[in-house]
Amino acid sequence: MNLWLQIADTAGAVLVLIGAAVCLLGVIGMLRLPDVLSRSHAATKPQSLGMLLVLAGVALRLRSGMDLATLALIGFFQMMTGPVAAHLVARSAYRTGQIDHGELLFDELDAQLTEEK
């Protein structure tokens, strides 16, 4: 086996392991954090980074053009939908009154909602 292929396989395995650990930290954050905004932050930031690391590790292992294109599409669509979904969850929690307004540093949405009425 070529030395460079062995290095790529090892780096891929390390990236998958690190990505899985980052995703696990995000899940622990989702379980431990107290409010909706903190949980939505823990759901998107580490999960997106962890997923990209896992995809990079798998890409180093597979190395074929079709597999790399599929992994790129997976990464693209996950990066487009994950943060948007978390934003919508946080906004609906704000609108339904599940957010403690005293803990917010900036409440820009309040001015927008009062203009609508």
PDB file of N, CA and C in Angstrom:
ATOM      1  N   MET A   1       0.842  -1.184   0.000  1.00  0.00           N
ATOM      2  CA  MET A   1       0.000   0.000   0.000  1.00  0.00           C
ATOM      3  C   MET A   1       0.883   1.241   0.000  1.00  0.00           C
ATOM      4  N   ASN A   2       0.474   2.207  -0.743  1.00  0.00           N
ATOM      5  CA  ASN A   2       1.216   3.458  -0.863  1.00  0.00           C
ATOM      6  C   ASN A   2       1.215   4.199   0.477  1.00  0.00           C
ATOM      7  N   LEU A   3       2.311   4.846   0.779  1.00  0.00           N
ATOM      8  CA  LEU A   3       2.430   5.580   2.040  1.00  0.00           C
ATOM      9  C   LEU A   3       1.426   6.716   2.120  1.00  0.00           C
ATOM     10  N   TRP A   4       1.209   7.426   0.994  1.00  0.00           N
ATOM     11  CA  TRP A   4       0.272   8.552   1.005  1.00  0.00           C
ATOM     12  C   TRP A   4      -1.163   8.086   1.220  1.00  0.00           C
ATOM     13  N   LEU A   5      -1.516   6.929   0.690  1.00  0.00           N
ATOM     14  CA  LEU A   5      -2.858   6.382   0.921  1.00  0.00           C
ATOM     15  C   LEU A   5      -3.047   5.991   2.385  1.00  0.00           C
ATOM     16  N   GLN A   6      -2.000   5.465   2.973  1.00  0.00           N
ATOM     17  CA  GLN A   6      -2.080   5.098   4.390  1.00  0.00           C
ATOM     18  C   GLN A   6      -2.199   6.347   5.264  1.00  0.00           C
ATOM     19  N   ILE A   7      -1.492   7.408   4.911  1.00  0.00           N
ATOM     20  CA  ILE A   7      -1.595   8.670   5.653  1.00  0.00           C
ATOM     21  C   ILE A   7      -2.991   9.261   5.485  1.00  0.00           C
ATOM     22  N   ALA A   8      -3.539   9.198   4.267  1.00  0.00           N
ATOM     23  CA  ALA A   8      -4.884   9.720   4.034  1.00  0.00           C
ATOM     24  C   ALA A   8      -5.925   8.917   4.803  1.00  0.00           C
ATOM     25  N   ASP A   9      -5.763   7.598   4.856  1.00  0.00           N
ATOM     26  CA  ASP A   9      -6.695   6.758   5.629  1.00  0.00           C
ATOM     27  C   ASP A   9      -6.629   7.085   7.118  1.00  0.00           C
ATOM     28  N   THR A  10      -5.418   7.274   7.628  1.00  0.00           N
ATOM     29  CA  THR A  10      -5.257   7.609   9.047  1.00  0.00           C
ATOM     30  C   THR A  10      -5.842   8.988   9.351  1.00  0.00           C
ATOM     31  N   ALA A  11      -5.562   9.951   8.477  1.00  0.00           N
ATOM     32  CA  ALA A  11      -6.125  11.298   8.680  1.00  0.00           C
ATOM     33  C   ALA A  11      -7.643  11.264   8.582  1.00  0.00           C
ATOM     34  N   GLY A  12      -8.194  10.456   7.679  1.00  0.00           N
ATOM     35  CA  GLY A  12      -9.643  10.319   7.563  1.00  0.00           C
ATOM     36  C   GLY A  12     -10.253   9.729   8.824  1.00  0.00           C
ATOM     37  N   ALA A  13      -9.597   8.717   9.382  1.00  0.00           N
ATOM     38  CA  ALA A  13     -10.108   8.110  10.611  1.00  0.00           C
ATOM     39  C   ALA A  13     -10.059   9.102  11.773  1.00  0.00           C
ATOM     40  N   VAL A  14      -8.995   9.897  11.838  1.00  0.00           N
ATOM     41  CA  VAL A  14      -8.872  10.909  12.899  1.00  0.00           C
ATOM     42  C   VAL A  14      -9.952  11.974  12.742  1.00  0.00           C
ATOM     43  N   LEU A  15     -10.201  12.407  11.499  1.00  0.00           N
ATOM     44  CA  LEU A  15     -11.243  13.411  11.273  1.00  0.00           C
ATOM     45  C   LEU A  15     -12.633  12.886  11.626  1.00  0.00           C
ATOM     46  N   VAL A  16     -12.909  11.630  11.297  1.00  0.00           N
ATOM     47  CA  VAL A  16     -14.199  11.040  11.661  1.00  0.00           C
ATOM     48  C   VAL A  16     -14.338  10.970  13.170  1.00  0.00           C
ATOM     49  N   LEU A  17     -13.282  10.587  13.863  1.00  0.00           N
ATOM     50  CA  LEU A  17     -13.327  10.500  15.325  1.00  0.00           C
ATOM     51  C   LEU A  17     -13.517  11.881  15.959  1.00  0.00           C
ATOM     52  N   ILE A  18     -12.791  12.877  15.480  1.00  0.00           N
ATOM     53  CA  ILE A  18     -12.937  14.237  16.014  1.00  0.00           C
ATOM     54  C   ILE A  18     -14.331  14.783  15.710  1.00  0.00           C
ATOM     55  N   GLY A  19     -14.824  14.548  14.498  1.00  0.00           N
ATOM     56  CA  GLY A  19     -16.159  15.005  14.137  1.00  0.00           C
ATOM     57  C   GLY A  19     -17.235  14.358  14.994  1.00  0.00           C
ATOM     58  N   ALA A  20     -17.098  13.075  15.258  1.00  0.00           N
ATOM     59  CA  ALA A  20     -18.059  12.388  16.120  1.00  0.00           C
ATOM     60  C   ALA A  20     -17.999  12.929  17.550  1.00  0.00           C
ATOM     61  N   ALA A  21     -16.807  13.253  18.032  1.00  0.00           N
ATOM     62  CA  ALA A  21     -16.671  13.821  19.380  1.00  0.00           C
ATOM     63  C   ALA A  21     -17.307  15.209  19.463  1.00  0.00           C
ATOM     64  N   VAL A  22     -17.136  16.021  18.413  1.00  0.00           N
ATOM     65  CA  VAL A  22     -17.756  17.351  18.400  1.00  0.00           C
ATOM     66  C   VAL A  22     -19.276  17.228  18.366  1.00  0.00           C
ATOM     67  N   CYS A  23     -19.796  16.281  17.586  1.00  0.00           N
ATOM     68  CA  CYS A  23     -21.247  16.052  17.558  1.00  0.00           C
ATOM     69  C   CYS A  23     -21.750  15.585  18.923  1.00  0.00           C
ATOM     70  N   LEU A  24     -20.979  14.741  19.581  1.00  0.00           N
ATOM     71  CA  LEU A  24     -21.371  14.286  20.917  1.00  0.00           C
ATOM     72  C   LEU A  24     -21.407  15.448  21.902  1.00  0.00           C
ATOM     73  N   LEU A  25     -20.448  16.358  21.815  1.00  0.00           N
ATOM     74  CA  LEU A  25     -20.457  17.536  22.679  1.00  0.00           C
ATOM     75  C   LEU A  25     -21.684  18.414  22.404  1.00  0.00           C
ATOM     76  N   GLY A  26     -22.096  18.507  21.149  1.00  0.00           N
ATOM     77  CA  GLY A  26     -23.298  19.256  20.817  1.00  0.00           C
ATOM     78  C   GLY A  26     -24.544  18.625  21.415  1.00  0.00           C
ATOM     79  N   VAL A  27     -24.620  17.303  21.386  1.00  0.00           N
ATOM     80  CA  VAL A  27     -25.765  16.606  21.981  1.00  0.00           C
ATOM     81  C   VAL A  27     -25.785  16.790  23.489  1.00  0.00           C
ATOM     82  N   ILE A  28     -24.628  16.709  24.115  1.00  0.00           N
ATOM     83  CA  ILE A  28     -24.563  16.935  25.564  1.00  0.00           C
ATOM     84  C   ILE A  28     -24.993  18.363  25.887  1.00  0.00           C
ATOM     85  N   GLY A  29     -24.581  19.321  25.062  1.00  0.00           N
ATOM     86  CA  GLY A  29     -25.016  20.700  25.253  1.00  0.00           C
ATOM     87  C   GLY A  29     -26.511  20.858  25.111  1.00  0.00           C
ATOM     88  N   MET A  30     -27.106  20.152  24.154  1.00  0.00           N
ATOM     89  CA  MET A  30     -28.555  20.223  23.981  1.00  0.00           C
ATOM     90  C   MET A  30     -29.286  19.671  25.200  1.00  0.00           C
ATOM     91  N   LEU A  31     -28.707  18.672  25.825  1.00  0.00           N
ATOM     92  CA  LEU A  31     -29.358  18.083  26.997  1.00  0.00           C
ATOM     93  C   LEU A  31     -29.135  18.905  28.260  1.00  0.00           C
ATOM     94  N   ARG A  32     -28.012  19.581  28.368  1.00  0.00           N
ATOM     95  CA  ARG A  32     -27.644  20.245  29.614  1.00  0.00           C
ATOM     96  C   ARG A  32     -28.015  21.723  29.680  1.00  0.00           C
ATOM     97  N   LEU A  33     -28.137  22.397  28.542  1.00  0.00           N
ATOM     98  CA  LEU A  33     -28.375  23.837  28.554  1.00  0.00           C
ATOM     99  C   LEU A  33     -29.812  24.145  28.939  1.00  0.00           C
ATOM    100  N   PRO A  34     -30.042  25.301  29.576  1.00  0.00           N
ATOM    101  CA  PRO A  34     -31.334  25.539  30.214  1.00  0.00           C
ATOM    102  C   PRO A  34     -32.462  26.041  29.312  1.00  0.00           C
ATOM    103  N   ASP A  35     -32.173  26.837  28.289  1.00  0.00           N
ATOM    104  CA  ASP A  35     -33.274  27.457  27.555  1.00  0.00           C
ATOM    105  C   ASP A  35     -33.203  27.148  26.068  1.00  0.00           C
ATOM    106  N   VAL A  36     -34.241  27.570  25.359  1.00  0.00           N
ATOM    107  CA  VAL A  36     -34.397  27.228  23.946  1.00  0.00           C
ATOM    108  C   VAL A  36     -33.280  27.839  23.098  1.00  0.00           C
ATOM    109  N   LEU A  37     -32.921  29.076  23.359  1.00  0.00           N
ATOM    110  CA  LEU A  37     -31.898  29.733  22.547  1.00  0.00           C
ATOM    111  C   LEU A  37     -30.535  29.067  22.710  1.00  0.00           C
ATOM    112  N   SER A  38     -30.188  28.707  23.922  1.00  0.00           N
ATOM    113  CA  SER A  38     -28.912  28.020  24.157  1.00  0.00           C
ATOM    114  C   SER A  38     -28.911  26.639  23.512  1.00  0.00           C
ATOM    115  N   ARG A  39     -30.041  25.961  23.609  1.00  0.00           N
ATOM    116  CA  ARG A  39     -30.130  24.633  23.010  1.00  0.00           C
ATOM    117  C   ARG A  39     -30.066  24.695  21.489  1.00  0.00           C
ATOM    118  N   SER A  40     -30.705  25.701  20.902  1.00  0.00           N
ATOM    119  CA  SER A  40     -30.639  25.803  19.446  1.00  0.00           C
ATOM    120  C   SER A  40     -29.217  26.148  18.990  1.00  0.00           C
ATOM    121  N   HIS A  41     -28.500  26.907  19.790  1.00  0.00           N
ATOM    122  CA  HIS A  41     -27.091  27.191  19.484  1.00  0.00           C
ATOM    123  C   HIS A  41     -26.269  25.899  19.544  1.00  0.00           C
ATOM    124  N   ALA A  42     -26.510  25.107  20.594  1.00  0.00           N
ATOM    125  CA  ALA A  42     -25.783  23.845  20.729  1.00  0.00           C
ATOM    126  C   ALA A  42     -26.194  22.843  19.660  1.00  0.00           C
ATOM    127  N   ALA A  43     -27.388  22.996  19.113  1.00  0.00           N
ATOM    128  CA  ALA A  43     -27.835  22.066  18.073  1.00  0.00           C
ATOM    129  C   ALA A  43     -27.197  22.361  16.727  1.00  0.00           C
ATOM    130  N   THR A  44     -26.867  23.620  16.451  1.00  0.00           N
ATOM    131  CA  THR A  44     -26.382  23.951  15.118  1.00  0.00           C
ATOM    132  C   THR A  44     -24.872  24.100  15.021  1.00  0.00           C
ATOM    133  N   LYS A  45     -24.265  24.837  15.903  1.00  0.00           N
ATOM    134  CA  LYS A  45     -22.827  25.124  15.745  1.00  0.00           C
ATOM    135  C   LYS A  45     -21.966  23.867  15.810  1.00  0.00           C
ATOM    136  N   PRO A  46     -22.000  23.098  16.885  1.00  0.00           N
ATOM    137  CA  PRO A  46     -21.133  21.913  16.911  1.00  0.00           C
ATOM    138  C   PRO A  46     -21.573  20.835  15.920  1.00  0.00           C
ATOM    139  N   GLN A  47     -22.888  20.735  15.683  1.00  0.00           N
ATOM    140  CA  GLN A  47     -23.351  19.704  14.762  1.00  0.00           C
ATOM    141  C   GLN A  47     -22.882  19.983  13.343  1.00  0.00           C
ATOM    142  N   SER A  48     -22.900  21.246  12.946  1.00  0.00           N
ATOM    143  CA  SER A  48     -22.437  21.589  11.597  1.00  0.00           C
ATOM    144  C   SER A  48     -20.941  21.324  11.448  1.00  0.00           C
ATOM    145  N   LEU A  49     -20.157  21.750  12.424  1.00  0.00           N
ATOM    146  CA  LEU A  49     -18.717  21.514  12.372  1.00  0.00           C
ATOM    147  C   LEU A  49     -18.403  20.024  12.429  1.00  0.00           C
ATOM    148  N   GLY A  50     -19.058  19.308  13.325  1.00  0.00           N
ATOM    149  CA  GLY A  50     -18.819  17.876  13.449  1.00  0.00           C
ATOM    150  C   GLY A  50     -19.193  17.121  12.188  1.00  0.00           C
ATOM    151  N   MET A  51     -20.310  17.517  11.569  1.00  0.00           N
ATOM    152  CA  MET A  51     -20.731  16.867  10.339  1.00  0.00           C
ATOM    153  C   MET A  51     -19.734  17.128   9.211  1.00  0.00           C
ATOM    154  N   LEU A  52     -19.218  18.353   9.128  1.00  0.00           N
ATOM    155  CA  LEU A  52     -18.217  18.652   8.097  1.00  0.00           C
ATOM    156  C   LEU A  52     -16.925  17.867   8.323  1.00  0.00           C
ATOM    157  N   LEU A  53     -16.526  17.713   9.580  1.00  0.00           N
ATOM    158  CA  LEU A  53     -15.329  16.921   9.869  1.00  0.00           C
ATOM    159  C   LEU A  53     -15.531  15.455   9.507  1.00  0.00           C
ATOM    160  N   VAL A  54     -16.697  14.918   9.812  1.00  0.00           N
ATOM    161  CA  VAL A  54     -16.991  13.525   9.455  1.00  0.00           C
ATOM    162  C   VAL A  54     -16.995  13.355   7.932  1.00  0.00           C
ATOM    163  N   LEU A  55     -17.621  14.309   7.222  1.00  0.00           N
ATOM    164  CA  LEU A  55     -17.643  14.228   5.764  1.00  0.00           C
ATOM    165  C   LEU A  55     -16.237  14.335   5.169  1.00  0.00           C
ATOM    166  N   ALA A  56     -15.393  15.184   5.744  1.00  0.00           N
ATOM    167  CA  ALA A  56     -14.011  15.296   5.263  1.00  0.00           C
ATOM    168  C   ALA A  56     -13.250  13.994   5.507  1.00  0.00           C
ATOM    169  N   GLY A  57     -13.485  13.382   6.654  1.00  0.00           N
ATOM    170  CA  GLY A  57     -12.833  12.102   6.937  1.00  0.00           C
ATOM    171  C   GLY A  57     -13.283  10.999   6.000  1.00  0.00           C
ATOM    172  N   VAL A  58     -14.565  10.967   5.718  1.00  0.00           N
ATOM    173  CA  VAL A  58     -15.084   9.961   4.775  1.00  0.00           C
ATOM    174  C   VAL A  58     -14.552  10.236   3.372  1.00  0.00           C
ATOM    175  N   ALA A  59     -14.444  11.511   3.005  1.00  0.00           N
ATOM    176  CA  ALA A  59     -13.916  11.859   1.683  1.00  0.00           C
ATOM    177  C   ALA A  59     -12.466  11.414   1.537  1.00  0.00           C
ATOM    178  N   LEU A  60     -11.675  11.533   2.598  1.00  0.00           N
ATOM    179  CA  LEU A  60     -10.289  11.069   2.531  1.00  0.00           C
ATOM    180  C   LEU A  60     -10.212   9.554   2.380  1.00  0.00           C
ATOM    181  N   ARG A  61     -11.196   8.867   2.871  1.00  0.00           N
ATOM    182  CA  ARG A  61     -11.194   7.405   2.795  1.00  0.00           C
ATOM    183  C   ARG A  61     -11.714   6.897   1.454  1.00  0.00           C
ATOM    184  N   LEU A  62     -12.751   7.538   0.897  1.00  0.00           N
ATOM    185  CA  LEU A  62     -13.378   7.003  -0.313  1.00  0.00           C
ATOM    186  C   LEU A  62     -12.622   7.362  -1.586  1.00  0.00           C
ATOM    187  N   ARG A  63     -12.329   8.646  -1.787  1.00  0.00           N
ATOM    188  CA  ARG A  63     -11.479   9.144  -2.874  1.00  0.00           C
ATOM    189  C   ARG A  63     -12.014   8.990  -4.294  1.00  0.00           C
ATOM    190  N   SER A  64     -13.258   8.589  -4.520  1.00  0.00           N
ATOM    191  CA  SER A  64     -13.758   8.506  -5.900  1.00  0.00           C
ATOM    192  C   SER A  64     -14.582   9.753  -6.212  1.00  0.00           C
ATOM    193  N   GLY A  65     -14.646  10.095  -7.489  1.00  0.00           N
ATOM    194  CA  GLY A  65     -15.295  11.338  -7.895  1.00  0.00           C
ATOM    195  C   GLY A  65     -16.762  11.404  -7.544  1.00  0.00           C
ATOM    196  N   MET A  66     -17.508  10.328  -7.784  1.00  0.00           N
ATOM    197  CA  MET A  66     -18.944  10.321  -7.494  1.00  0.00           C
ATOM    198  C   MET A  66     -19.198  10.401  -5.990  1.00  0.00           C
ATOM    199  N   ASP A  67     -18.383   9.708  -5.211  1.00  0.00           N
ATOM    200  CA  ASP A  67     -18.537   9.765  -3.753  1.00  0.00           C
ATOM    201  C   ASP A  67     -18.228  11.156  -3.221  1.00  0.00           C
ATOM    202  N   LEU A  68     -17.194  11.788  -3.758  1.00  0.00           N
ATOM    203  CA  LEU A  68     -16.850  13.142  -3.311  1.00  0.00           C
ATOM    204  C   LEU A  68     -17.935  14.145  -3.685  1.00  0.00           C
ATOM    205  N   ALA A  69     -18.529  13.981  -4.862  1.00  0.00           N
ATOM    206  CA  ALA A  69     -19.626  14.869  -5.256  1.00  0.00           C
ATOM    207  C   ALA A  69     -20.835  14.674  -4.350  1.00  0.00           C
ATOM    208  N   THR A  70     -21.130  13.441  -4.005  1.00  0.00           N
ATOM    209  CA  THR A  70     -22.250  13.165  -3.094  1.00  0.00           C
ATOM    210  C   THR A  70     -21.983  13.757  -1.716  1.00  0.00           C
ATOM    211  N   LEU A  71     -20.764  13.609  -1.213  1.00  0.00           N
ATOM    212  CA  LEU A  71     -20.421  14.172   0.096  1.00  0.00           C
ATOM    213  C   LEU A  71     -20.479  15.695   0.073  1.00  0.00           C
ATOM    214  N   ALA A  72     -20.076  16.298  -1.040  1.00  0.00           N
ATOM    215  CA  ALA A  72     -20.151  17.757  -1.159  1.00  0.00           C
ATOM    216  C   ALA A  72     -21.607  18.221  -1.145  1.00  0.00           C
ATOM    217  N   LEU A  73     -22.478  17.494  -1.817  1.00  0.00           N
ATOM    218  CA  LEU A  73     -23.901  17.841  -1.795  1.00  0.00           C
ATOM    219  C   LEU A  73     -24.503  17.680  -0.403  1.00  0.00           C
ATOM    220  N   ILE A  74     -24.111  16.631   0.285  1.00  0.00           N
ATOM    221  CA  ILE A  74     -24.597  16.423   1.649  1.00  0.00           C
ATOM    222  C   ILE A  74     -24.163  17.580   2.539  1.00  0.00           C
ATOM    223  N   GLY A  75     -22.897  17.956   2.449  1.00  0.00           N
ATOM    224  CA  GLY A  75     -22.398  19.077   3.250  1.00  0.00           C
ATOM    225  C   GLY A  75     -23.093  20.381   2.906  1.00  0.00           C
ATOM    226  N   PHE A  76     -23.310  20.627   1.616  1.00  0.00           N
ATOM    227  CA  PHE A  76     -23.970  21.857   1.187  1.00  0.00           C
ATOM    228  C   PHE A  76     -25.387  21.945   1.728  1.00  0.00           C
ATOM    229  N   PHE A  77     -26.154  20.889   1.552  1.00  0.00           N
ATOM    230  CA  PHE A  77     -27.542  20.940   1.990  1.00  0.00           C
ATOM    231  C   PHE A  77     -27.674  20.951   3.514  1.00  0.00           C
ATOM    232  N   GLN A  78     -26.777  20.290   4.210  1.00  0.00           N
ATOM    233  CA  GLN A  78     -26.806  20.349   5.676  1.00  0.00           C
ATOM    234  C   GLN A  78     -26.453  21.738   6.182  1.00  0.00           C
ATOM    235  N   MET A  79     -25.491  22.380   5.533  1.00  0.00           N
ATOM    236  CA  MET A  79     -25.120  23.734   5.954  1.00  0.00           C
ATOM    237  C   MET A  79     -26.196  24.754   5.605  1.00  0.00           C
ATOM    238  N   MET A  80     -26.996  24.480   4.602  1.00  0.00           N
ATOM    239  CA  MET A  80     -28.074  25.396   4.238  1.00  0.00           C
ATOM    240  C   MET A  80     -29.313  25.203   5.110  1.00  0.00           C
ATOM    241  N   THR A  81     -29.615  23.980   5.510  1.00  0.00           N
ATOM    242  CA  THR A  81     -30.867  23.724   6.214  1.00  0.00           C
ATOM    243  C   THR A  81     -30.735  23.735   7.735  1.00  0.00           C
ATOM    244  N   GLY A  82     -29.599  23.318   8.289  1.00  0.00           N
ATOM    245  CA  GLY A  82     -29.452  23.239   9.747  1.00  0.00           C
ATOM    246  C   GLY A  82     -29.593  24.576  10.454  1.00  0.00           C
ATOM    247  N   PRO A  83     -28.817  25.585  10.082  1.00  0.00           N
ATOM    248  CA  PRO A  83     -28.949  26.883  10.748  1.00  0.00           C
ATOM    249  C   PRO A  83     -30.301  27.558  10.512  1.00  0.00           C
ATOM    250  N   VAL A  84     -30.883  27.354   9.339  1.00  0.00           N
ATOM    251  CA  VAL A  84     -32.203  27.949   9.068  1.00  0.00           C
ATOM    252  C   VAL A  84     -33.257  27.307   9.960  1.00  0.00           C
ATOM    253  N   ALA A  85     -33.198  25.995  10.119  1.00  0.00           N
ATOM    254  CA  ALA A  85     -34.154  25.313  10.985  1.00  0.00           C
ATOM    255  C   ALA A  85     -34.006  25.767  12.438  1.00  0.00           C
ATOM    256  N   ALA A  86     -32.779  25.931  12.906  1.00  0.00           N
ATOM    257  CA  ALA A  86     -32.567  26.403  14.276  1.00  0.00           C
ATOM    258  C   ALA A  86     -33.070  27.832  14.444  1.00  0.00           C
ATOM    259  N   HIS A  87     -32.886  28.660  13.424  1.00  0.00           N
ATOM    260  CA  HIS A  87     -33.395  30.027  13.485  1.00  0.00           C
ATOM    261  C   HIS A  87     -34.914  30.031  13.577  1.00  0.00           C
ATOM    262  N   LEU A  88     -35.568  29.189  12.815  1.00  0.00           N
ATOM    263  CA  LEU A  88     -37.025  29.136  12.849  1.00  0.00           C
ATOM    264  C   LEU A  88     -37.541  28.591  14.177  1.00  0.00           C
ATOM    265  N   VAL A  89     -36.840  27.635  14.759  1.00  0.00           N
ATOM    266  CA  VAL A  89     -37.233  27.127  16.078  1.00  0.00           C
ATOM    267  C   VAL A  89     -37.090  28.224  17.124  1.00  0.00           C
ATOM    268  N   ALA A  90     -35.987  28.972  17.084  1.00  0.00           N
ATOM    269  CA  ALA A  90     -35.789  30.055  18.047  1.00  0.00           C
ATOM    270  C   ALA A  90     -36.818  31.167  17.849  1.00  0.00           C
ATOM    271  N   ARG A  91     -37.137  31.469  16.620  1.00  0.00           N
ATOM    272  CA  ARG A  91     -38.126  32.528  16.358  1.00  0.00           C
ATOM    273  C   ARG A  91     -39.524  32.106  16.805  1.00  0.00           C
ATOM    274  N   SER A  92     -39.883  30.854  16.588  1.00  0.00           N
ATOM    275  CA  SER A  92     -41.195  30.398  17.052  1.00  0.00           C
ATOM    276  C   SER A  92     -41.249  30.330  18.577  1.00  0.00           C
ATOM    277  N   ALA A  93     -40.125  29.990  19.214  1.00  0.00           N
ATOM    278  CA  ALA A  93     -40.092  30.014  20.677  1.00  0.00           C
ATOM    279  C   ALA A  93     -40.243  31.441  21.188  1.00  0.00           C
ATOM    280  N   TYR A  94     -39.674  32.399  20.488  1.00  0.00           N
ATOM    281  CA  TYR A  94     -39.818  33.808  20.873  1.00  0.00           C
ATOM    282  C   TYR A  94     -41.271  34.246  20.739  1.00  0.00           C
ATOM    283  N   ARG A  95     -41.888  33.886  19.623  1.00  0.00           N
ATOM    284  CA  ARG A  95     -43.269  34.314  19.375  1.00  0.00           C
ATOM    285  C   ARG A  95     -44.268  33.657  20.313  1.00  0.00           C
ATOM    286  N   THR A  96     -43.988  32.458  20.783  1.00  0.00           N
ATOM    287  CA  THR A  96     -44.915  31.783  21.691  1.00  0.00           C
ATOM    288  C   THR A  96     -44.645  32.107  23.152  1.00  0.00           C
ATOM    289  N   GLY A  97     -43.661  32.947  23.422  1.00  0.00           N
ATOM    290  CA  GLY A  97     -43.416  33.396  24.788  1.00  0.00           C
ATOM    291  C   GLY A  97     -42.583  32.461  25.631  1.00  0.00           C
ATOM    292  N   GLN A  98     -41.806  31.608  25.031  1.00  0.00           N
ATOM    293  CA  GLN A  98     -40.964  30.682  25.787  1.00  0.00           C
ATOM    294  C   GLN A  98     -39.579  31.250  26.062  1.00  0.00           C
ATOM    295  N   ILE A  99     -39.349  32.497  25.676  1.00  0.00           N
ATOM    296  CA  ILE A  99     -38.063  33.157  25.866  1.00  0.00           C
ATOM    297  C   ILE A  99     -38.198  34.160  27.004  1.00  0.00           C
ATOM    298  N   ASP A 100     -37.234  34.141  27.925  1.00  0.00           N
ATOM    299  CA  ASP A 100     -37.198  35.138  28.991  1.00  0.00           C
ATOM    300  C   ASP A 100     -36.547  36.403  28.438  1.00  0.00           C
ATOM    301  N   HIS A 101     -37.352  37.451  28.245  1.00  0.00           N
ATOM    302  CA  HIS A 101     -36.852  38.670  27.612  1.00  0.00           C
ATOM    303  C   HIS A 101     -35.832  39.409  28.479  1.00  0.00           C
ATOM    304  N   GLY A 102     -35.809  39.149  29.773  1.00  0.00           N
ATOM    305  CA  GLY A 102     -34.841  39.798  30.647  1.00  0.00           C
ATOM    306  C   GLY A 102     -33.419  39.320  30.426  1.00  0.00           C
ATOM    307  N   GLU A 103     -33.264  38.112  29.903  1.00  0.00           N
ATOM    308  CA  GLU A 103     -31.925  37.562  29.679  1.00  0.00           C
ATOM    309  C   GLU A 103     -31.341  37.923  28.319  1.00  0.00           C
ATOM    310  N   LEU A 104     -32.122  38.542  27.445  1.00  0.00           N
ATOM    311  CA  LEU A 104     -31.628  38.917  26.125  1.00  0.00           C
ATOM    312  C   LEU A 104     -30.818  40.197  26.202  1.00  0.00           C
ATOM    313  N   LEU A 105     -29.667  40.220  25.557  1.00  0.00           N
ATOM    314  CA  LEU A 105     -28.862  41.437  25.512  1.00  0.00           C
ATOM    315  C   LEU A 105     -29.463  42.436  24.533  1.00  0.00           C
ATOM    316  N   PHE A 106     -29.852  41.957  23.368  1.00  0.00           N
ATOM    317  CA  PHE A 106     -30.485  42.782  22.343  1.00  0.00           C
ATOM    318  C   PHE A 106     -31.768  42.098  21.924  1.00  0.00           C
ATOM    319  N   ASP A 107     -32.845  42.861  21.877  1.00  0.00           N
ATOM    320  CA  ASP A 107     -34.135  42.303  21.474  1.00  0.00           C
ATOM    321  C   ASP A 107     -34.612  43.045  20.236  1.00  0.00           C
ATOM    322  N   GLU A 108     -34.007  42.740  19.107  1.00  0.00           N
ATOM    323  CA  GLU A 108     -34.349  43.417  17.861  1.00  0.00           C
ATOM    324  C   GLU A 108     -35.681  42.936  17.301  1.00  0.00           C
ATOM    325  N   LEU A 109     -36.103  41.764  17.666  1.00  0.00           N
ATOM    326  CA  LEU A 109     -37.339  41.224  17.131  1.00  0.00           C
ATOM    327  C   LEU A 109     -38.565  41.890  17.745  1.00  0.00           C
ATOM    328  N   ASP A 110     -38.433  42.428  18.945  1.00  0.00           N
ATOM    329  CA  ASP A 110     -39.562  43.078  19.603  1.00  0.00           C
ATOM    330  C   ASP A 110     -40.026  44.289  18.801  1.00  0.00           C
ATOM    331  N   ALA A 111     -39.087  45.070  18.295  1.00  0.00           N
ATOM    332  CA  ALA A 111     -39.460  46.242  17.501  1.00  0.00           C
ATOM    333  C   ALA A 111     -40.129  45.835  16.199  1.00  0.00           C
ATOM    334  N   GLN A 112     -39.697  44.748  15.603  1.00  0.00           N
ATOM    335  CA  GLN A 112     -40.319  44.281  14.368  1.00  0.00           C
ATOM    336  C   GLN A 112     -41.726  43.757  14.612  1.00  0.00           C
ATOM    337  N   LEU A 113     -41.922  43.078  15.726  1.00  0.00           N
ATOM    338  CA  LEU A 113     -43.246  42.522  15.995  1.00  0.00           C
ATOM    339  C   LEU A 113     -44.242  43.591  16.389  1.00  0.00           C
ATOM    340  N   THR A 114     -43.792  44.656  17.070  1.00  0.00           N
ATOM    341  CA  THR A 114     -44.723  45.729  17.438  1.00  0.00           C
ATOM    342  C   THR A 114     -45.104  46.578  16.218  1.00  0.00           C
ATOM    343  N   GLU A 115     -44.263  46.634  15.192  1.00  0.00           N
ATOM    344  CA  GLU A 115     -44.598  47.367  13.967  1.00  0.00           C
ATOM    345  C   GLU A 115     -45.639  46.631  13.162  1.00  0.00           C
ATOM    346  N   GLU A 116     -45.706  45.270  13.257  1.00  0.00           N
ATOM    347  CA  GLU A 116     -46.653  44.502  12.497  1.00  0.00           C
ATOM    348  C   GLU A 116     -48.079  44.702  12.974  1.00  0.00           C
ATOM    349  N   LYS A 117     -48.263  44.997  14.249  1.00  0.00           N
ATOM    350  CA  LYS A 117     -49.610  45.082  14.823  1.00  0.00           C
ATOM    351  C   LYS A 117     -50.285  46.348  14.514  1.00  0.00           C
TER     352      LYS A 117
END
